[in-house]
Amino acid sequence: MKTTCSITLTLCCTILAGCQSSSPEPAHSPNGSADRCDTSVVEKLVGEQASPELLDRARRESGATVARIIRPGDIVTLEYNAHRLTLTTDEALTVQRVSCG
């Protein structure tokens, strides 16, 4: 019984350790504040056709460190990331909304 509990506890700890984020800290700008996503400069993309090239350009222009395209029905993570740009599209991949987080 004791061995079973020890093995179970060890397995649970191992699984939880694997869930920890190992991603590097976001880059900081020279003035000490973190670079953040800013949608005001990419709002003009609403109505355009989403593509990998458009996504990369929008990421660079917005100051985001990562970007994604979300289509209707896509499964997405719900954690907030102030450094992530999201282009939400319709079925035809026309950008409907631009957001950070």
PDB file of N, CA and C in Angstrom:
ATOM      1  N   MET A   1       0.832  -1.196   0.000  1.00  0.00           N
ATOM      2  CA  MET A   1       0.000   0.000   0.000  1.00  0.00           C
ATOM      3  C   MET A   1       0.868   1.249   0.000  1.00  0.00           C
ATOM      4  N   LYS A   2       1.911   1.233   0.884  1.00  0.00           N
ATOM      5  CA  LYS A   2       2.798   2.393   0.960  1.00  0.00           C
ATOM      6  C   LYS A   2       3.540   2.598  -0.353  1.00  0.00           C
ATOM      7  N   THR A   3       3.961   1.522  -0.973  1.00  0.00           N
ATOM      8  CA  THR A   3       4.684   1.608  -2.230  1.00  0.00           C
ATOM      9  C   THR A   3       3.788   2.159  -3.329  1.00  0.00           C
ATOM     10  N   THR A   4       2.533   1.726  -3.365  1.00  0.00           N
ATOM     11  CA  THR A   4       1.583   2.207  -4.363  1.00  0.00           C
ATOM     12  C   THR A   4       1.357   3.706  -4.216  1.00  0.00           C
ATOM     13  N   CYS A   5       1.207   4.181  -2.992  1.00  0.00           N
ATOM     14  CA  CYS A   5       1.022   5.623  -2.751  1.00  0.00           C
ATOM     15  C   CYS A   5       2.257   6.403  -3.177  1.00  0.00           C
ATOM     16  N   SER A   6       3.435   5.876  -2.888  1.00  0.00           N
ATOM     17  CA  SER A   6       4.685   6.554  -3.252  1.00  0.00           C
ATOM     18  C   SER A   6       4.822   6.639  -4.770  1.00  0.00           C
ATOM     19  N   ILE A   7       4.511   5.549  -5.451  1.00  0.00           N
ATOM     20  CA  ILE A   7       4.612   5.543  -6.909  1.00  0.00           C
ATOM     21  C   ILE A   7       3.591   6.515  -7.514  1.00  0.00           C
ATOM     22  N   THR A   8       2.383   6.510  -7.004  1.00  0.00           N
ATOM     23  CA  THR A   8       1.340   7.412  -7.496  1.00  0.00           C
ATOM     24  C   THR A   8       1.738   8.865  -7.288  1.00  0.00           C
ATOM     25  N   LEU A   9       2.253   9.175  -6.118  1.00  0.00           N
ATOM     26  CA  LEU A   9       2.691  10.541  -5.817  1.00  0.00           C
ATOM     27  C   LEU A   9       3.835  10.958  -6.729  1.00  0.00           C
ATOM     28  N   THR A  10       4.771  10.068  -6.965  1.00  0.00           N
ATOM     29  CA  THR A  10       5.898  10.363  -7.851  1.00  0.00           C
ATOM     30  C   THR A  10       5.415  10.624  -9.274  1.00  0.00           C
ATOM     31  N   LEU A  11       4.496   9.801  -9.754  1.00  0.00           N
ATOM     32  CA  LEU A  11       3.952   9.994 -11.099  1.00  0.00           C
ATOM     33  C   LEU A  11       3.224  11.324 -11.227  1.00  0.00           C
ATOM     34  N   CYS A  12       2.431  11.667 -10.219  1.00  0.00           N
ATOM     35  CA  CYS A  12       1.708  12.949 -10.251  1.00  0.00           C
ATOM     36  C   CYS A  12       2.666  14.125 -10.277  1.00  0.00           C
ATOM     37  N   CYS A  13       3.710  14.065  -9.464  1.00  0.00           N
ATOM     38  CA  CYS A  13       4.702  15.144  -9.441  1.00  0.00           C
ATOM     39  C   CYS A  13       5.420  15.266 -10.773  1.00  0.00           C
ATOM     40  N   THR A  14       5.729  14.122 -11.392  1.00  0.00           N
ATOM     41  CA  THR A  14       6.401  14.126 -12.684  1.00  0.00           C
ATOM     42  C   THR A  14       5.509  14.745 -13.756  1.00  0.00           C
ATOM     43  N   ILE A  15       4.246  14.388 -13.751  1.00  0.00           N
ATOM     44  CA  ILE A  15       3.302  14.945 -14.727  1.00  0.00           C
ATOM     45  C   ILE A  15       3.162  16.447 -14.533  1.00  0.00           C
ATOM     46  N   LEU A  16       3.025  16.896 -13.294  1.00  0.00           N
ATOM     47  CA  LEU A  16       2.905  18.333 -13.026  1.00  0.00           C
ATOM     48  C   LEU A  16       4.165  19.089 -13.413  1.00  0.00           C
ATOM     49  N   ALA A  17       5.324  18.499 -13.193  1.00  0.00           N
ATOM     50  CA  ALA A  17       6.576  19.150 -13.571  1.00  0.00           C
ATOM     51  C   ALA A  17       6.643  19.329 -15.083  1.00  0.00           C
ATOM     52  N   GLY A  18       6.088  18.383 -15.828  1.00  0.00           N
ATOM     53  CA  GLY A  18       6.070  18.490 -17.284  1.00  0.00           C
ATOM     54  C   GLY A  18       5.158  19.577 -17.787  1.00  0.00           C
ATOM     55  N   CYS A  19       4.216  20.023 -16.972  1.00  0.00           N
ATOM     56  CA  CYS A  19       3.280  21.070 -17.380  1.00  0.00           C
ATOM     57  C   CYS A  19       3.832  22.469 -17.174  1.00  0.00           C
ATOM     58  N   GLN A  20       4.965  22.585 -16.513  1.00  0.00           N
ATOM     59  CA  GLN A  20       5.532  23.908 -16.269  1.00  0.00           C
ATOM     60  C   GLN A  20       6.029  24.508 -17.558  1.00  0.00           C
ATOM     61  N   SER A  21       5.869  25.812 -17.686  1.00  0.00           N
ATOM     62  CA  SER A  21       6.312  26.521 -18.877  1.00  0.00           C
ATOM     63  C   SER A  21       7.819  26.675 -18.846  1.00  0.00           C
ATOM     64  N   SER A  22       8.439  26.342 -19.963  1.00  0.00           N
ATOM     65  CA  SER A  22       9.882  26.516 -20.055  1.00  0.00           C
ATOM     66  C   SER A  22      10.235  27.590 -21.070  1.00  0.00           C
ATOM     67  N   SER A  23       9.236  28.358 -21.495  1.00  0.00           N
ATOM     68  CA  SER A  23       9.492  29.402 -22.471  1.00  0.00           C
ATOM     69  C   SER A  23      10.252  30.549 -21.823  1.00  0.00           C
ATOM     70  N   PRO A  24      11.116  31.198 -22.597  1.00  0.00           N
ATOM     71  CA  PRO A  24      11.899  32.305 -22.036  1.00  0.00           C
ATOM     72  C   PRO A  24      11.010  33.499 -21.708  1.00  0.00           C
ATOM     73  N   GLU A  25      11.500  34.327 -20.818  1.00  0.00           N
ATOM     74  CA  GLU A  25      10.786  35.550 -20.464  1.00  0.00           C
ATOM     75  C   GLU A  25      10.718  36.455 -21.682  1.00  0.00           C
ATOM     76  N   PRO A  26       9.648  37.207 -21.853  1.00  0.00           N
ATOM     77  CA  PRO A  26       9.558  38.118 -22.983  1.00  0.00           C
ATOM     78  C   PRO A  26      10.656  39.175 -22.931  1.00  0.00           C
ATOM     79  N   ALA A  27      11.053  39.610 -24.114  1.00  0.00           N
ATOM     80  CA  ALA A  27      12.090  40.639 -24.180  1.00  0.00           C
ATOM     81  C   ALA A  27      11.583  41.943 -23.586  1.00  0.00           C
ATOM     82  N   HIS A  28      12.500  42.698 -23.034  1.00  0.00           N
ATOM     83  CA  HIS A  28      12.151  44.002 -22.468  1.00  0.00           C
ATOM     84  C   HIS A  28      12.783  45.090 -23.307  1.00  0.00           C
ATOM     85  N   SER A  29      12.067  46.179 -23.443  1.00  0.00           N
ATOM     86  CA  SER A  29      12.597  47.305 -24.195  1.00  0.00           C
ATOM     87  C   SER A  29      13.640  48.029 -23.350  1.00  0.00           C
ATOM     88  N   PRO A  30      14.474  48.853 -23.978  1.00  0.00           N
ATOM     89  CA  PRO A  30      15.544  49.541 -23.258  1.00  0.00           C
ATOM     90  C   PRO A  30      15.064  50.393 -22.088  1.00  0.00           C
ATOM     91  N   ASN A  31      13.846  50.917 -22.154  1.00  0.00           N
ATOM     92  CA  ASN A  31      13.382  51.768 -21.060  1.00  0.00           C
ATOM     93  C   ASN A  31      12.837  50.974 -19.891  1.00  0.00           C
ATOM     94  N   GLY A  32      12.926  49.623 -19.964  1.00  0.00           N
ATOM     95  CA  GLY A  32      12.536  48.799 -18.831  1.00  0.00           C
ATOM     96  C   GLY A  32      11.121  48.256 -18.897  1.00  0.00           C
ATOM     97  N   SER A  33      10.270  48.761 -19.782  1.00  0.00           N
ATOM     98  CA  SER A  33       8.916  48.222 -19.878  1.00  0.00           C
ATOM     99  C   SER A  33       8.899  47.108 -20.918  1.00  0.00           C
ATOM    100  N   ALA A  34       8.067  46.125 -20.709  1.00  0.00           N
ATOM    101  CA  ALA A  34       8.002  44.988 -21.626  1.00  0.00           C
ATOM    102  C   ALA A  34       7.373  45.411 -22.946  1.00  0.00           C
ATOM    103  N   ASP A  35       7.899  44.844 -24.036  1.00  0.00           N
ATOM    104  CA  ASP A  35       7.276  45.073 -25.340  1.00  0.00           C
ATOM    105  C   ASP A  35       5.898  44.435 -25.294  1.00  0.00           C
ATOM    106  N   ARG A  36       4.906  45.135 -25.799  1.00  0.00           N
ATOM    107  CA  ARG A  36       3.545  44.617 -25.760  1.00  0.00           C
ATOM    108  C   ARG A  36       2.901  44.731 -27.127  1.00  0.00           C
ATOM    109  N   CYS A  37       1.923  43.924 -27.304  1.00  0.00           N
ATOM    110  CA  CYS A  37       1.119  43.923 -28.518  1.00  0.00           C
ATOM    111  C   CYS A  37       0.266  45.198 -28.559  1.00  0.00           C
ATOM    112  N   ASP A  38       0.196  45.855 -29.718  1.00  0.00           N
ATOM    113  CA  ASP A  38      -0.596  47.069 -29.882  1.00  0.00           C
ATOM    114  C   ASP A  38      -1.437  46.933 -31.151  1.00  0.00           C
ATOM    115  N   THR A  39      -2.744  46.767 -30.987  1.00  0.00           N
ATOM    116  CA  THR A  39      -3.612  46.546 -32.146  1.00  0.00           C
ATOM    117  C   THR A  39      -3.920  47.817 -32.928  1.00  0.00           C
ATOM    118  N   SER A  40      -3.671  48.970 -32.346  1.00  0.00           N
ATOM    119  CA  SER A  40      -4.049  50.218 -33.029  1.00  0.00           C
ATOM    120  C   SER A  40      -3.356  50.365 -34.384  1.00  0.00           C
ATOM    121  N   VAL A  41      -2.169  49.802 -34.531  1.00  0.00           N
ATOM    122  CA  VAL A  41      -1.440  49.937 -35.791  1.00  0.00           C
ATOM    123  C   VAL A  41      -1.819  48.874 -36.822  1.00  0.00           C
ATOM    124  N   VAL A  42      -2.570  47.844 -36.417  1.00  0.00           N
ATOM    125  CA  VAL A  42      -2.947  46.785 -37.357  1.00  0.00           C
ATOM    126  C   VAL A  42      -4.455  46.634 -37.524  1.00  0.00           C
ATOM    127  N   GLU A  43      -5.233  47.539 -36.958  1.00  0.00           N
ATOM    128  CA  GLU A  43      -6.692  47.503 -37.121  1.00  0.00           C
ATOM    129  C   GLU A  43      -7.082  47.584 -38.594  1.00  0.00           C
ATOM    130  N   LYS A  44      -6.228  48.190 -39.394  1.00  0.00           N
ATOM    131  CA  LYS A  44      -6.500  48.351 -40.829  1.00  0.00           C
ATOM    132  C   LYS A  44      -6.582  47.011 -41.564  1.00  0.00           C
ATOM    133  N   LEU A  45      -6.168  45.919 -40.908  1.00  0.00           N
ATOM    134  CA  LEU A  45      -6.181  44.603 -41.541  1.00  0.00           C
ATOM    135  C   LEU A  45      -7.561  43.950 -41.546  1.00  0.00           C
ATOM    136  N   VAL A  46      -8.502  44.499 -40.789  1.00  0.00           N
ATOM    137  CA  VAL A  46      -9.860  43.952 -40.783  1.00  0.00           C
ATOM    138  C   VAL A  46     -10.416  44.048 -42.203  1.00  0.00           C
ATOM    139  N   GLY A  47     -10.911  42.933 -42.714  1.00  0.00           N
ATOM    140  CA  GLY A  47     -11.430  42.874 -44.074  1.00  0.00           C
ATOM    141  C   GLY A  47     -10.447  42.297 -45.076  1.00  0.00           C
ATOM    142  N   GLU A  48      -9.179  42.159 -44.691  1.00  0.00           N
ATOM    143  CA  GLU A  48      -8.177  41.592 -45.591  1.00  0.00           C
ATOM    144  C   GLU A  48      -8.155  40.073 -45.481  1.00  0.00           C
ATOM    145  N   GLN A  49      -7.580  39.426 -46.487  1.00  0.00           N
ATOM    146  CA  GLN A  49      -7.459  37.973 -46.520  1.00  0.00           C
ATOM    147  C   GLN A  49      -6.259  37.549 -45.661  1.00  0.00           C
ATOM    148  N   ALA A  50      -6.497  36.686 -44.686  1.00  0.00           N
ATOM    149  CA  ALA A  50      -5.428  36.217 -43.807  1.00  0.00           C
ATOM    150  C   ALA A  50      -4.510  35.265 -44.561  1.00  0.00           C
ATOM    151  N   SER A  51      -3.210  35.379 -44.286  1.00  0.00           N
ATOM    152  CA  SER A  51      -2.202  34.508 -44.878  1.00  0.00           C
ATOM    153  C   SER A  51      -1.009  34.485 -43.927  1.00  0.00           C
ATOM    154  N   PRO A  52      -0.095  33.538 -44.097  1.00  0.00           N
ATOM    155  CA  PRO A  52       1.099  33.534 -43.251  1.00  0.00           C
ATOM    156  C   PRO A  52       1.902  34.835 -43.363  1.00  0.00           C
ATOM    157  N   GLU A  53       1.965  35.395 -44.568  1.00  0.00           N
ATOM    158  CA  GLU A  53       2.705  36.638 -44.770  1.00  0.00           C
ATOM    159  C   GLU A  53       2.040  37.804 -44.035  1.00  0.00           C
ATOM    160  N   LEU A  54       0.708  37.872 -44.134  1.00  0.00           N
ATOM    161  CA  LEU A  54      -0.037  38.934 -43.441  1.00  0.00           C
ATOM    162  C   LEU A  54       0.127  38.787 -41.932  1.00  0.00           C
ATOM    163  N   LEU A  55       0.071  37.562 -41.436  1.00  0.00           N
ATOM    164  CA  LEU A  55       0.224  37.315 -40.006  1.00  0.00           C
ATOM    165  C   LEU A  55       1.597  37.772 -39.515  1.00  0.00           C
ATOM    166  N   ASP A  56       2.643  37.451 -40.269  1.00  0.00           N
ATOM    167  CA  ASP A  56       3.993  37.852 -39.865  1.00  0.00           C
ATOM    168  C   ASP A  56       4.146  39.367 -39.892  1.00  0.00           C
ATOM    169  N   ARG A  57       3.619  40.000 -40.935  1.00  0.00           N
ATOM    170  CA  ARG A  57       3.684  41.469 -41.018  1.00  0.00           C
ATOM    171  C   ARG A  57       2.922  42.105 -39.861  1.00  0.00           C
ATOM    172  N   ALA A  58       1.740  41.591 -39.549  1.00  0.00           N
ATOM    173  CA  ALA A  58       0.930  42.132 -38.453  1.00  0.00           C
ATOM    174  C   ALA A  58       1.647  41.955 -37.115  1.00  0.00           C
ATOM    175  N   ARG A  59       2.286  40.800 -36.930  1.00  0.00           N
ATOM    176  CA  ARG A  59       3.036  40.558 -35.686  1.00  0.00           C
ATOM    177  C   ARG A  59       4.146  41.581 -35.519  1.00  0.00           C
ATOM    178  N   ARG A  60       4.908  41.804 -36.579  1.00  0.00           N
ATOM    179  CA  ARG A  60       6.013  42.770 -36.497  1.00  0.00           C
ATOM    180  C   ARG A  60       5.505  44.188 -36.249  1.00  0.00           C
ATOM    181  N   GLU A  61       4.470  44.595 -36.992  1.00  0.00           N
ATOM    182  CA  GLU A  61       3.952  45.959 -36.866  1.00  0.00           C
ATOM    183  C   GLU A  61       3.311  46.212 -35.502  1.00  0.00           C
ATOM    184  N   SER A  62       2.693  45.192 -34.927  1.00  0.00           N
ATOM    185  CA  SER A  62       2.011  45.373 -33.639  1.00  0.00           C
ATOM    186  C   SER A  62       2.963  45.296 -32.454  1.00  0.00           C
ATOM    187  N   GLY A  63       4.181  44.791 -32.668  1.00  0.00           N
ATOM    188  CA  GLY A  63       5.126  44.629 -31.575  1.00  0.00           C
ATOM    189  C   GLY A  63       4.930  43.335 -30.806  1.00  0.00           C
ATOM    190  N   ALA A  64       4.049  42.466 -31.271  1.00  0.00           N
ATOM    191  CA  ALA A  64       3.801  41.190 -30.597  1.00  0.00           C
ATOM    192  C   ALA A  64       4.977  40.251 -30.808  1.00  0.00           C
ATOM    193  N   THR A  65       5.191  39.359 -29.853  1.00  0.00           N
ATOM    194  CA  THR A  65       6.250  38.366 -30.009  1.00  0.00           C
ATOM    195  C   THR A  65       5.740  37.103 -30.681  1.00  0.00           C
ATOM    196  N   VAL A  66       4.444  36.837 -30.579  1.00  0.00           N
ATOM    197  CA  VAL A  66       3.824  35.687 -31.245  1.00  0.00           C
ATOM    198  C   VAL A  66       2.487  36.123 -31.834  1.00  0.00           C
ATOM    199  N   ALA A  67       2.025  35.381 -32.830  1.00  0.00           N
ATOM    200  CA  ALA A  67       0.748  35.717 -33.458  1.00  0.00           C
ATOM    201  C   ALA A  67       0.071  34.430 -33.924  1.00  0.00           C
ATOM    202  N   ARG A  68      -1.250  34.514 -34.052  1.00  0.00           N
ATOM    203  CA  ARG A  68      -2.003  33.349 -34.501  1.00  0.00           C
ATOM    204  C   ARG A  68      -3.227  33.804 -35.283  1.00  0.00           C
ATOM    205  N   ILE A  69      -3.719  32.900 -36.122  1.00  0.00           N
ATOM    206  CA  ILE A  69      -4.962  33.112 -36.858  1.00  0.00           C
ATOM    207  C   ILE A  69      -5.968  32.124 -36.288  1.00  0.00           C
ATOM    208  N   ILE A  70      -7.151  32.616 -35.960  1.00  0.00           N
ATOM    209  CA  ILE A  70      -8.210  31.753 -35.428  1.00  0.00           C
ATOM    210  C   ILE A  70      -9.390  31.796 -36.382  1.00  0.00           C
ATOM    211  N   ARG A  71      -9.790  30.603 -36.840  1.00  0.00           N
ATOM    212  CA  ARG A  71     -10.968  30.467 -37.699  1.00  0.00           C
ATOM    213  C   ARG A  71     -12.134  29.963 -36.860  1.00  0.00           C
ATOM    214  N   PRO A  72     -13.359  30.109 -37.347  1.00  0.00           N
ATOM    215  CA  PRO A  72     -14.509  29.578 -36.607  1.00  0.00           C
ATOM    216  C   PRO A  72     -14.322  28.078 -36.343  1.00  0.00           C
ATOM    217  N   GLY A  73     -14.562  27.676 -35.100  1.00  0.00           N
ATOM    218  CA  GLY A  73     -14.449  26.276 -34.732  1.00  0.00           C
ATOM    219  C   GLY A  73     -13.068  25.849 -34.290  1.00  0.00           C
ATOM    220  N   ASP A  74     -12.053  26.714 -34.435  1.00  0.00           N
ATOM    221  CA  ASP A  74     -10.707  26.356 -33.977  1.00  0.00           C
ATOM    222  C   ASP A  74     -10.685  26.239 -32.464  1.00  0.00           C
ATOM    223  N   ILE A  75      -9.907  25.304 -31.974  1.00  0.00           N
ATOM    224  CA  ILE A  75      -9.711  25.144 -30.540  1.00  0.00           C
ATOM    225  C   ILE A  75      -8.498  25.983 -30.160  1.00  0.00           C
ATOM    226  N   VAL A  76      -8.650  26.843 -29.157  1.00  0.00           N
ATOM    227  CA  VAL A  76      -7.553  27.726 -28.754  1.00  0.00           C
ATOM    228  C   VAL A  76      -7.347  27.659 -27.244  1.00  0.00           C
ATOM    229  N   THR A  77      -6.162  28.040 -26.825  1.00  0.00           N
ATOM    230  CA  THR A  77      -5.877  28.125 -25.402  1.00  0.00           C
ATOM    231  C   THR A  77      -6.521  29.390 -24.853  1.00  0.00           C
ATOM    232  N   LEU A  78      -6.842  29.375 -23.577  1.00  0.00           N
ATOM    233  CA  LEU A  78      -7.528  30.504 -22.970  1.00  0.00           C
ATOM    234  C   LEU A  78      -6.630  31.374 -22.089  1.00  0.00           C
ATOM    235  N   GLU A  79      -5.350  31.026 -21.982  1.00  0.00           N
ATOM    236  CA  GLU A  79      -4.489  31.847 -21.133  1.00  0.00           C
ATOM    237  C   GLU A  79      -4.231  33.200 -21.804  1.00  0.00           C
ATOM    238  N   TYR A  80      -4.121  34.222 -20.983  1.00  0.00           N
ATOM    239  CA  TYR A  80      -3.878  35.569 -21.497  1.00  0.00           C
ATOM    240  C   TYR A  80      -2.387  35.757 -21.728  1.00  0.00           C
ATOM    241  N   ASN A  81      -2.016  36.259 -22.875  1.00  0.00           N
ATOM    242  CA  ASN A  81      -0.624  36.543 -23.204  1.00  0.00           C
ATOM    243  C   ASN A  81      -0.589  37.925 -23.843  1.00  0.00           C
ATOM    244  N   ALA A  82      -0.128  38.907 -23.097  1.00  0.00           N
ATOM    245  CA  ALA A  82      -0.115  40.295 -23.570  1.00  0.00           C
ATOM    246  C   ALA A  82       0.808  40.504 -24.764  1.00  0.00           C
ATOM    247  N   HIS A  83       1.627  39.516 -25.072  1.00  0.00           N
ATOM    248  CA  HIS A  83       2.587  39.620 -26.170  1.00  0.00           C
ATOM    249  C   HIS A  83       2.115  38.888 -27.424  1.00  0.00           C
ATOM    250  N   ARG A  84       0.867  38.393 -27.418  1.00  0.00           N
ATOM    251  CA  ARG A  84       0.346  37.609 -28.546  1.00  0.00           C
ATOM    252  C   ARG A  84      -0.719  38.391 -29.312  1.00  0.00           C
ATOM    253  N   LEU A  85      -0.583  38.402 -30.627  1.00  0.00           N
ATOM    254  CA  LEU A  85      -1.566  39.013 -31.515  1.00  0.00           C
ATOM    255  C   LEU A  85      -2.455  37.909 -32.080  1.00  0.00           C
ATOM    256  N   THR A  86      -3.757  38.146 -32.113  1.00  0.00           N
ATOM    257  CA  THR A  86      -4.694  37.178 -32.671  1.00  0.00           C
ATOM    258  C   THR A  86      -5.503  37.832 -33.785  1.00  0.00           C
ATOM    259  N   LEU A  87      -5.500  37.189 -34.948  1.00  0.00           N
ATOM    260  CA  LEU A  87      -6.350  37.609 -36.054  1.00  0.00           C
ATOM    261  C   LEU A  87      -7.497  36.610 -36.118  1.00  0.00           C
ATOM    262  N   THR A  88      -8.713  37.071 -35.845  1.00  0.00           N
ATOM    263  CA  THR A  88      -9.888  36.212 -35.895  1.00  0.00           C
ATOM    264  C   THR A  88     -10.529  36.372 -37.266  1.00  0.00           C
ATOM    265  N   THR A  89     -10.793  35.242 -37.933  1.00  0.00           N
ATOM    266  CA  THR A  89     -11.312  35.284 -39.303  1.00  0.00           C
ATOM    267  C   THR A  89     -12.649  34.579 -39.416  1.00  0.00           C
ATOM    268  N   ASP A  90     -13.270  34.735 -40.586  1.00  0.00           N
ATOM    269  CA  ASP A  90     -14.464  33.955 -40.900  1.00  0.00           C
ATOM    270  C   ASP A  90     -14.009  32.699 -41.649  1.00  0.00           C
ATOM    271  N   GLU A  91     -14.948  31.899 -42.136  1.00  0.00           N
ATOM    272  CA  GLU A  91     -14.609  30.655 -42.848  1.00  0.00           C
ATOM    273  C   GLU A  91     -13.755  30.908 -44.096  1.00  0.00           C
ATOM    274  N   ALA A  92     -13.938  32.058 -44.730  1.00  0.00           N
ATOM    275  CA  ALA A  92     -13.190  32.386 -45.937  1.00  0.00           C
ATOM    276  C   ALA A  92     -11.832  33.001 -45.640  1.00  0.00           C
ATOM    277  N   LEU A  93     -11.431  33.013 -44.367  1.00  0.00           N
ATOM    278  CA  LEU A  93     -10.158  33.593 -43.899  1.00  0.00           C
ATOM    279  C   LEU A  93     -10.074  35.100 -44.079  1.00  0.00           C
ATOM    280  N   THR A  94     -11.205  35.788 -44.047  1.00  0.00           N
ATOM    281  CA  THR A  94     -11.220  37.240 -44.052  1.00  0.00           C
ATOM    282  C   THR A  94     -11.130  37.696 -42.600  1.00  0.00           C
ATOM    283  N   VAL A  95     -10.187  38.567 -42.315  1.00  0.00           N
ATOM    284  CA  VAL A  95      -9.974  39.034 -40.938  1.00  0.00           C
ATOM    285  C   VAL A  95     -11.206  39.802 -40.467  1.00  0.00           C
ATOM    286  N   GLN A  96     -11.775  39.360 -39.350  1.00  0.00           N
ATOM    287  CA  GLN A  96     -12.952  39.988 -38.758  1.00  0.00           C
ATOM    288  C   GLN A  96     -12.607  40.821 -37.539  1.00  0.00           C
ATOM    289  N   ARG A  97     -11.535  40.428 -36.843  1.00  0.00           N
ATOM    290  CA  ARG A  97     -11.176  41.089 -35.574  1.00  0.00           C
ATOM    291  C   ARG A  97      -9.681  40.933 -35.344  1.00  0.00           C
ATOM    292  N   VAL A  98      -9.083  41.965 -34.756  1.00  0.00           N
ATOM    293  CA  VAL A  98      -7.673  41.946 -34.385  1.00  0.00           C
ATOM    294  C   VAL A  98      -7.619  42.205 -32.885  1.00  0.00           C
ATOM    295  N   SER A  99      -6.911  41.340 -32.155  1.00  0.00           N
ATOM    296  CA  SER A  99      -6.844  41.522 -30.703  1.00  0.00           C
ATOM    297  C   SER A  99      -5.511  41.022 -30.152  1.00  0.00           C
ATOM    298  N   CYS A 100      -5.206  41.465 -28.965  1.00  0.00           N
ATOM    299  CA  CYS A 100      -4.028  41.009 -28.236  1.00  0.00           C
ATOM    300  C   CYS A 100      -4.493  40.191 -27.035  1.00  0.00           C
ATOM    301  N   GLY A 101      -3.628  39.312 -26.600  1.00  0.00           N
ATOM    302  CA  GLY A 101      -3.960  38.549 -25.400  1.00  0.00           C
ATOM    303  C   GLY A 101      -3.957  37.120 -25.556  1.00  0.00           C
TER     304      GLY A 101
END
